[in-house]
Amino acid sequence: MIQRKQTLWFLISALIACLAFVLPFGFKNTTSMSSYNINIRDFDAQSHIVLTLLFGLIIITNMGTLFLYKNRSLQVKLSIIILMACIGAFAFEIYFSTIEGNSITFGLSQSTLYIGLIIPLLSFIFGIMAIRGVQQDIKLLKETDRLR
């Protein structure tokens, strides 16, 4: 049953988590009173070791669950770990973006779009859709066993 729709959801969730290493989720604007240089540094998943580990866990676990299509209960358990890692990554992004003069930019502000902040939320949504697909497979198998 590798062609089921939850395979697609796990793959999309992993690909979206890979985007966290490319797309920034915030910036740090450091200005000096003595000079007029404005230094803006974008933050992404490589900015902090915890974010790198969380997004790495999300990617590796999603790719691992793709091949566990015969063990659906383990797929559900690993999907719950993925969801917790997504929540942790989002919370840490918010925390990391708001400390020490960092700021989060939602939408268009000074012609800069920071869409990287919603990457864990998108991965979370696709993880939930994958869990629902696995649960539908479990339900389908129980119904076919009952009919025999």
Protein backbone atom coordinates (compact mmCIF):
# COMPACT_ATOMS: atom_id res chain seq x y z
CA MET A 1 0.00 0.00 0.00
CA ILE A 2 2.88 2.35 -0.65
CA GLN A 3 0.77 4.24 -3.21
CA ARG A 4 -1.62 5.50 -0.58
CA LYS A 5 -2.13 9.22 -0.09
CA GLN A 6 -0.32 9.38 3.27
CA THR A 7 2.91 8.66 1.39
CA LEU A 8 2.38 11.91 -0.47
CA TRP A 9 1.67 13.78 2.78
CA PHE A 10 4.82 12.43 4.47
CA LEU A 11 6.89 13.39 1.43
CA ILE A 12 5.42 16.91 1.23
CA SER A 13 6.00 17.39 4.96
CA ALA A 14 9.66 16.39 4.57
CA LEU A 15 10.15 18.68 1.56
CA ILE A 16 8.59 21.63 3.38
CA ALA A 17 10.87 20.98 6.36
CA CYS A 18 13.84 21.05 3.96
CA LEU A 19 12.81 24.57 2.97
CA ALA A 20 13.57 25.70 6.53
CA PHE A 21 17.26 25.53 5.71
CA VAL A 22 16.77 27.94 2.79
CA LEU A 23 13.96 30.33 3.71
CA PRO A 24 14.57 32.81 6.54
CA PHE A 25 12.10 33.17 9.40
CA GLY A 26 13.28 36.46 10.88
CA PHE A 27 16.04 39.01 10.90
CA LYS A 28 18.35 40.85 13.25
CA ASN A 29 18.81 44.53 12.58
CA THR A 30 21.93 45.88 14.24
CA THR A 31 22.55 49.58 13.97
CA SER A 32 25.34 51.59 15.48
CA MET A 33 24.94 55.10 16.81
CA SER A 34 28.35 56.12 15.51
CA SER A 35 27.85 54.86 11.98
CA TYR A 36 24.98 54.64 9.60
CA ASN A 37 25.59 51.06 8.60
CA ILE A 38 22.56 48.86 8.94
CA ASN A 39 23.38 45.20 9.17
CA ILE A 40 20.46 42.84 8.63
CA ARG A 41 21.10 39.14 9.12
CA ASP A 42 18.44 36.62 8.20
CA PHE A 43 17.73 33.66 10.47
CA ASP A 44 17.01 30.21 9.10
CA ALA A 45 17.19 26.66 10.47
CA GLN A 46 20.99 26.78 10.50
CA SER A 47 21.03 29.77 12.87
CA HIS A 48 20.85 27.63 15.99
CA ILE A 49 21.76 24.02 16.70
CA VAL A 50 18.35 23.26 18.26
CA LEU A 51 16.53 24.36 15.10
CA THR A 52 18.91 22.32 12.96
CA LEU A 53 18.30 19.23 15.08
CA LEU A 54 14.51 19.68 15.17
CA PHE A 55 14.18 20.18 11.42
CA GLY A 56 16.61 17.32 10.82
CA LEU A 57 14.45 15.11 13.03
CA ILE A 58 11.34 16.14 11.11
CA ILE A 59 12.95 15.37 7.75
CA ILE A 60 14.52 12.04 8.74
CA THR A 61 11.41 10.80 10.55
CA ASN A 62 9.14 11.74 7.65
CA MET A 63 11.38 9.94 5.18
CA GLY A 64 11.59 6.93 7.48
CA THR A 65 7.83 6.63 7.85
CA LEU A 66 7.48 6.47 4.08
CA PHE A 67 8.92 2.96 4.12
CA LEU A 68 7.02 1.70 7.16
CA TYR A 69 3.77 1.22 5.26
CA LYS A 70 3.38 -2.35 6.55
CA ASN A 71 3.64 -1.30 10.21
CA ARG A 72 0.88 1.28 10.51
CA SER A 73 0.90 1.55 14.29
CA LEU A 74 4.60 2.51 14.20
CA GLN A 75 3.77 5.03 11.46
CA VAL A 76 1.22 6.68 13.74
CA LYS A 77 3.68 6.77 16.66
CA LEU A 78 6.43 8.31 14.52
CA SER A 79 3.94 10.80 13.12
CA ILE A 80 3.13 11.96 16.64
CA ILE A 81 6.87 12.49 17.20
CA ILE A 82 6.93 14.52 13.98
CA LEU A 83 4.03 16.66 15.20
CA MET A 84 5.75 17.31 18.54
CA ALA A 85 8.97 18.26 16.73
CA CYS A 86 6.99 20.67 14.51
CA ILE A 87 5.44 22.33 17.56
CA GLY A 88 8.86 22.53 19.21
CA ALA A 89 10.45 24.03 16.08
CA PHE A 90 7.71 26.65 15.80
CA ALA A 91 7.97 27.56 19.48
CA PHE A 92 11.74 27.83 19.28
CA GLU A 93 11.52 29.96 16.13
CA ILE A 94 9.20 32.36 17.94
CA TYR A 95 11.45 32.40 21.02
CA PHE A 96 14.65 32.83 18.99
CA SER A 97 13.10 35.56 16.86
CA THR A 98 11.99 37.70 19.78
CA ILE A 99 15.10 37.71 21.99
CA GLU A 100 17.95 40.23 21.97
CA GLY A 101 16.52 42.75 19.55
CA ASN A 102 15.48 40.23 16.94
CA SER A 103 12.13 40.76 15.32
CA ILE A 104 9.63 38.73 13.38
CA THR A 105 8.23 40.15 10.20
CA PHE A 106 4.79 38.96 9.20
CA GLY A 107 3.79 39.59 5.62
CA LEU A 108 5.28 42.43 3.65
CA SER A 109 7.26 44.89 5.68
CA GLN A 110 9.80 47.08 3.99
CA SER A 111 9.46 44.80 0.92
CA THR A 112 10.71 41.70 2.74
CA LEU A 113 8.63 38.55 2.97
CA TYR A 114 9.53 36.08 5.73
CA ILE A 115 7.49 32.99 4.99
CA GLY A 116 9.91 30.66 6.78
CA LEU A 117 8.12 31.18 10.07
CA ILE A 118 5.14 29.12 8.95
CA ILE A 119 7.20 26.16 7.71
CA PRO A 120 6.71 24.12 10.92
CA LEU A 121 2.98 24.86 10.82
CA LEU A 122 2.71 23.61 7.23
CA SER A 123 4.70 20.51 8.11
CA PHE A 124 2.37 20.01 11.10
CA ILE A 125 -0.72 20.23 8.88
CA PHE A 126 0.65 17.70 6.39
CA GLY A 127 1.62 15.45 9.31
CA ILE A 128 -1.96 15.49 10.55
CA MET A 129 -3.19 14.67 7.06
CA ALA A 130 -0.75 11.74 6.94
CA ILE A 131 -2.00 10.42 10.28
CA ARG A 132 -5.56 10.59 9.00
CA GLY A 133 -4.51 8.62 5.91
CA VAL A 134 -2.84 5.94 8.03
CA GLN A 135 -5.90 5.71 10.26
CA GLN A 136 -8.12 5.32 7.19
CA ASP A 137 -5.88 2.44 6.05
CA ILE A 138 -6.18 0.82 9.47
CA LYS A 139 -9.96 1.20 9.31
CA LEU A 140 -10.07 -0.24 5.79
CA LEU A 141 -8.02 -3.27 6.83
CA LYS A 142 -10.23 -3.89 9.85
CA GLU A 143 -13.32 -3.79 7.64
CA THR A 144 -11.83 -6.26 5.16
CA ASP A 145 -10.83 -8.60 7.99
CA ARG A 146 -14.38 -8.43 9.34
CA LEU A 147 -15.87 -9.35 5.96
CA ARG A 148 -13.78 -12.52 5.69
